[in-house]
Amino acid sequence: MAERPFLIGLTGSIGMGKTETAKLFARLGIPVYDSDAAVHRLYEPGGAAVAEIAKAFPESVKDGRVDRAALSRHLASDEDAFRKLEAIVHPLVAADQRLFLERAMKDGAEMVVQDIPLLFETGGHARMDAVVVVSAPSELQRRRVLERPGMTAEKLDHILARQMPDAEKRAKAHFVVETDKGLDHAFEQVKAVVAALEAKRNA
């Protein structure tokens, strides 16, 4: 059996630039698993999460797909709802991650990136060989997020309250990529991370 690829956990709070940083790893030819994209697939018609979410939150499913806005409104008004939703979605994402890893092993990938927003909060960092945290100053973070359609300061505060503080994530990380100095600067940091991990693997 092929050797398991080296697992890089990529995480960071909302608005820190994680999605763009994941693309930088992909530019280096490293397979990237996008947890957010996986959740979107689970919520689409025929997605594995739709039936269970319809049972738990009937008003959040319309035309065979999860209405993310309706689900978000429900979550904002019911703290227990998060735990119910996580109990449905997390096992499905974990199964999807395993399939991704199996494909990467068959393809002979030496490293893979798993882009997981709540990596520390869910304990997923324990499965990783290295953790990269994406970070930016809080003022920039807020500005980025509040530019998103439908986002409000209240909604952002609610999201941040459920996420581990940035300083704590940085302290737990093996590497930090700072995204407030442009993509070229971030790409240099990503290349340095990959070079350090390749050196470690080959030592």
Protein backbone atom coordinates (compact mmCIF):
# COMPACT_ATOMS: atom_id res chain seq x y z
CA MET A 1 0.00 0.00 0.00
CA ALA A 2 1.22 3.50 -0.84
CA GLU A 3 2.58 5.64 1.95
CA ARG A 4 0.05 8.10 3.34
CA PRO A 5 0.66 11.67 2.14
CA PHE A 6 1.91 14.24 4.62
CA LEU A 7 -1.20 16.04 5.92
CA ILE A 8 -1.11 19.83 6.11
CA GLY A 9 -4.05 21.34 7.96
CA LEU A 10 -4.87 24.83 6.68
CA THR A 11 -7.07 26.97 8.88
CA GLY A 12 -7.83 30.52 9.95
CA SER A 13 -10.72 32.60 11.14
CA ILE A 14 -13.28 34.07 8.76
CA GLY A 15 -11.91 36.74 6.44
CA MET A 16 -8.25 35.92 7.01
CA GLY A 17 -7.57 34.87 3.40
CA LYS A 18 -7.64 31.10 3.76
CA THR A 19 -9.32 30.41 0.40
CA GLU A 20 -6.73 32.42 -1.52
CA THR A 21 -3.91 30.80 0.45
CA ALA A 22 -5.27 27.35 -0.41
CA LYS A 23 -5.04 28.32 -4.09
CA LEU A 24 -1.36 29.15 -3.56
CA PHE A 25 -0.68 25.62 -2.31
CA ALA A 26 -2.56 24.29 -5.34
CA ARG A 27 -0.34 26.41 -7.62
CA LEU A 28 2.59 24.37 -6.28
CA GLY A 29 0.85 21.18 -7.41
CA ILE A 30 -0.30 20.10 -3.94
CA PRO A 31 -3.81 18.60 -3.84
CA VAL A 32 -6.16 20.72 -1.70
CA TYR A 33 -9.31 19.50 0.02
CA ASP A 34 -11.80 22.36 0.45
CA SER A 35 -14.18 21.66 3.35
CA ASP A 36 -16.44 24.60 2.49
CA ALA A 37 -16.86 23.31 -1.06
CA ALA A 38 -17.65 19.86 0.34
CA VAL A 39 -20.41 21.33 2.52
CA HIS A 40 -21.85 23.13 -0.52
CA ARG A 41 -22.02 19.78 -2.36
CA LEU A 42 -23.72 18.16 0.63
CA TYR A 43 -26.35 20.94 0.60
CA GLU A 44 -27.17 20.74 -3.12
CA PRO A 45 -30.03 18.62 -4.57
CA GLY A 46 -29.09 14.99 -4.07
CA GLY A 47 -26.50 15.97 -1.46
CA ALA A 48 -26.04 13.56 1.43
CA ALA A 49 -26.95 16.15 4.10
CA VAL A 50 -30.24 17.40 2.62
CA ALA A 51 -32.59 14.71 3.97
CA GLU A 52 -31.21 14.85 7.53
CA ILE A 53 -31.24 18.67 7.60
CA ALA A 54 -34.84 18.59 6.32
CA LYS A 55 -35.75 16.45 9.33
CA ALA A 56 -33.89 18.63 11.83
CA PHE A 57 -34.66 22.05 10.30
CA PRO A 58 -37.60 21.67 7.88
CA GLU A 59 -37.80 25.39 7.10
CA SER A 60 -34.18 25.34 5.91
CA VAL A 61 -34.72 23.06 2.90
CA LYS A 62 -36.40 24.39 -0.25
CA ASP A 63 -36.65 22.76 -3.69
CA GLY A 64 -34.51 19.83 -2.57
CA ARG A 65 -31.53 21.92 -1.45
CA VAL A 66 -30.47 23.52 1.80
CA ASP A 67 -31.31 27.23 1.86
CA ARG A 68 -28.16 28.53 3.54
CA ALA A 69 -29.69 31.91 4.39
CA ALA A 70 -32.68 30.29 6.10
CA LEU A 71 -30.41 27.87 7.93
CA SER A 72 -28.16 30.74 9.03
CA ARG A 73 -31.16 32.63 10.45
CA HIS A 74 -32.21 29.55 12.39
CA LEU A 75 -28.71 28.99 13.76
CA ALA A 76 -28.52 32.61 14.93
CA SER A 77 -31.63 32.17 17.05
CA ASP A 78 -30.95 28.70 18.49
CA GLU A 79 -27.57 27.83 20.04
CA ASP A 80 -28.39 24.11 20.23
CA ALA A 81 -28.99 24.09 16.49
CA PHE A 82 -25.24 24.34 15.82
CA ARG A 83 -24.61 21.08 17.66
CA LYS A 84 -27.43 19.35 15.75
CA LEU A 85 -26.10 20.61 12.43
CA GLU A 86 -22.51 19.62 13.25
CA ALA A 87 -23.68 16.11 14.20
CA ILE A 88 -25.18 15.79 10.70
CA VAL A 89 -22.49 17.48 8.62
CA HIS A 90 -19.17 16.63 10.29
CA PRO A 91 -19.35 12.83 9.75
CA LEU A 92 -20.29 13.37 6.09
CA VAL A 93 -17.37 15.76 5.54
CA ALA A 94 -15.02 13.35 7.33
CA ALA A 95 -16.09 10.54 4.97
CA ASP A 96 -15.55 12.82 1.97
CA GLN A 97 -12.09 13.73 3.28
CA ARG A 98 -11.18 10.05 3.51
CA LEU A 99 -12.14 9.54 -0.15
CA PHE A 100 -10.02 12.55 -1.13
CA LEU A 101 -7.06 11.12 0.79
CA GLU A 102 -7.48 7.71 -0.84
CA ARG A 103 -7.45 9.33 -4.29
CA ALA A 104 -4.37 11.38 -3.40
CA MET A 105 -2.58 8.21 -2.23
CA LYS A 106 -3.43 6.42 -5.49
CA ASP A 107 -2.11 9.42 -7.42
CA GLY A 108 1.15 9.27 -5.46
CA ALA A 109 0.80 12.68 -3.77
CA GLU A 110 3.52 13.27 -1.17
CA MET A 111 1.60 16.11 0.53
CA VAL A 112 -2.01 17.21 0.68
CA VAL A 113 -3.62 20.29 2.16
CA GLN A 114 -6.88 19.99 4.08
CA ASP A 115 -8.56 23.40 4.20
CA ILE A 116 -10.73 23.21 7.34
CA PRO A 117 -12.18 26.42 8.84
CA LEU A 118 -12.80 25.03 12.35
CA LEU A 119 -9.75 22.77 12.49
CA PHE A 120 -8.80 23.55 16.10
CA GLU A 121 -12.37 23.95 17.31
CA THR A 122 -13.30 20.44 16.13
CA GLY A 123 -10.05 18.78 17.24
CA GLY A 124 -9.08 18.02 13.64
CA HIS A 125 -5.56 19.36 14.17
CA ALA A 126 -4.71 16.14 16.02
CA ARG A 127 -4.90 14.25 12.68
CA MET A 128 -2.53 16.62 10.88
CA ASP A 129 1.24 16.36 10.47
CA ALA A 130 1.54 20.16 10.37
CA VAL A 131 -0.88 23.05 10.80
CA VAL A 132 -0.72 26.32 8.84
CA VAL A 133 -2.75 29.24 10.19
CA VAL A 134 -3.71 32.10 7.87
CA SER A 135 -3.86 35.45 9.62
CA ALA A 136 -4.33 39.19 9.08
CA PRO A 137 -4.91 42.20 11.36
CA SER A 138 -8.41 42.26 12.87
CA GLU A 139 -9.32 45.59 11.22
CA LEU A 140 -8.57 44.14 7.78
CA GLN A 141 -10.40 40.95 8.65
CA ARG A 142 -13.55 42.88 9.60
CA ARG A 143 -13.36 45.05 6.50
CA ARG A 144 -13.05 42.01 4.23
CA VAL A 145 -15.94 40.16 5.83
CA LEU A 146 -18.30 43.15 6.02
CA GLU A 147 -17.87 43.62 2.25
CA ARG A 148 -19.52 40.23 1.69
CA PRO A 149 -23.16 40.31 0.52
CA GLY A 150 -25.62 39.90 3.38
CA MET A 151 -22.99 40.21 6.11
CA THR A 152 -23.61 42.46 9.09
CA ALA A 153 -21.48 43.42 12.08
CA GLU A 154 -23.84 41.46 14.35
CA LYS A 155 -23.59 38.33 12.20
CA LEU A 156 -19.80 38.63 12.07
CA ASP A 157 -19.57 38.96 15.85
CA HIS A 158 -21.75 35.87 16.22
CA ILE A 159 -19.43 33.90 13.89
CA LEU A 160 -16.27 35.11 15.65
CA ALA A 161 -17.71 34.14 19.04
CA ARG A 162 -17.74 30.50 17.86
CA GLN A 163 -14.15 30.60 16.54
CA MET A 164 -10.95 30.30 18.53
CA PRO A 165 -9.26 33.73 18.76
CA ASP A 166 -6.65 34.41 16.08
CA ALA A 167 -3.83 34.85 18.62
CA GLU A 168 -4.56 31.41 20.08
CA LYS A 169 -4.58 29.81 16.62
CA ARG A 170 -1.28 31.44 15.75
CA ALA A 171 0.25 30.15 18.98
CA LYS A 172 -0.86 26.58 18.17
CA ALA A 173 0.29 26.66 14.54
CA HIS A 174 3.45 25.16 13.11
CA PHE A 175 3.45 27.92 10.48
CA VAL A 176 1.63 31.24 10.03
CA VAL A 177 0.91 32.81 6.63
CA GLU A 178 0.13 36.52 6.86
CA THR A 179 -2.17 37.82 4.13
CA ASP A 180 -2.11 41.58 4.66
CA LYS A 181 0.83 42.27 2.33
CA GLY A 182 -0.54 40.97 -0.96
CA LEU A 183 -0.65 37.67 -2.82
CA ASP A 184 3.00 37.69 -3.89
CA HIS A 185 4.14 38.02 -0.28
CA ALA A 186 1.73 35.27 0.81
CA PHE A 187 2.99 33.02 -2.01
CA GLU A 188 6.58 33.43 -0.83
CA GLN A 189 5.49 32.35 2.65
CA VAL A 190 3.64 29.33 1.26
CA LYS A 191 6.70 28.29 -0.78
CA ALA A 192 8.83 28.59 2.37
CA VAL A 193 6.38 26.41 4.32
CA VAL A 194 6.43 23.72 1.62
CA ALA A 195 10.23 23.82 1.38
CA ALA A 196 10.54 23.43 5.16
CA LEU A 197 8.12 20.49 5.19
CA GLU A 198 9.87 18.79 2.25
CA ALA A 199 13.20 19.16 4.05
CA LYS A 200 11.66 17.65 7.19
CA ARG A 201 10.21 14.70 5.25
CA ASN A 202 13.50 14.02 3.52
CA ALA A 203 15.69 14.42 6.63
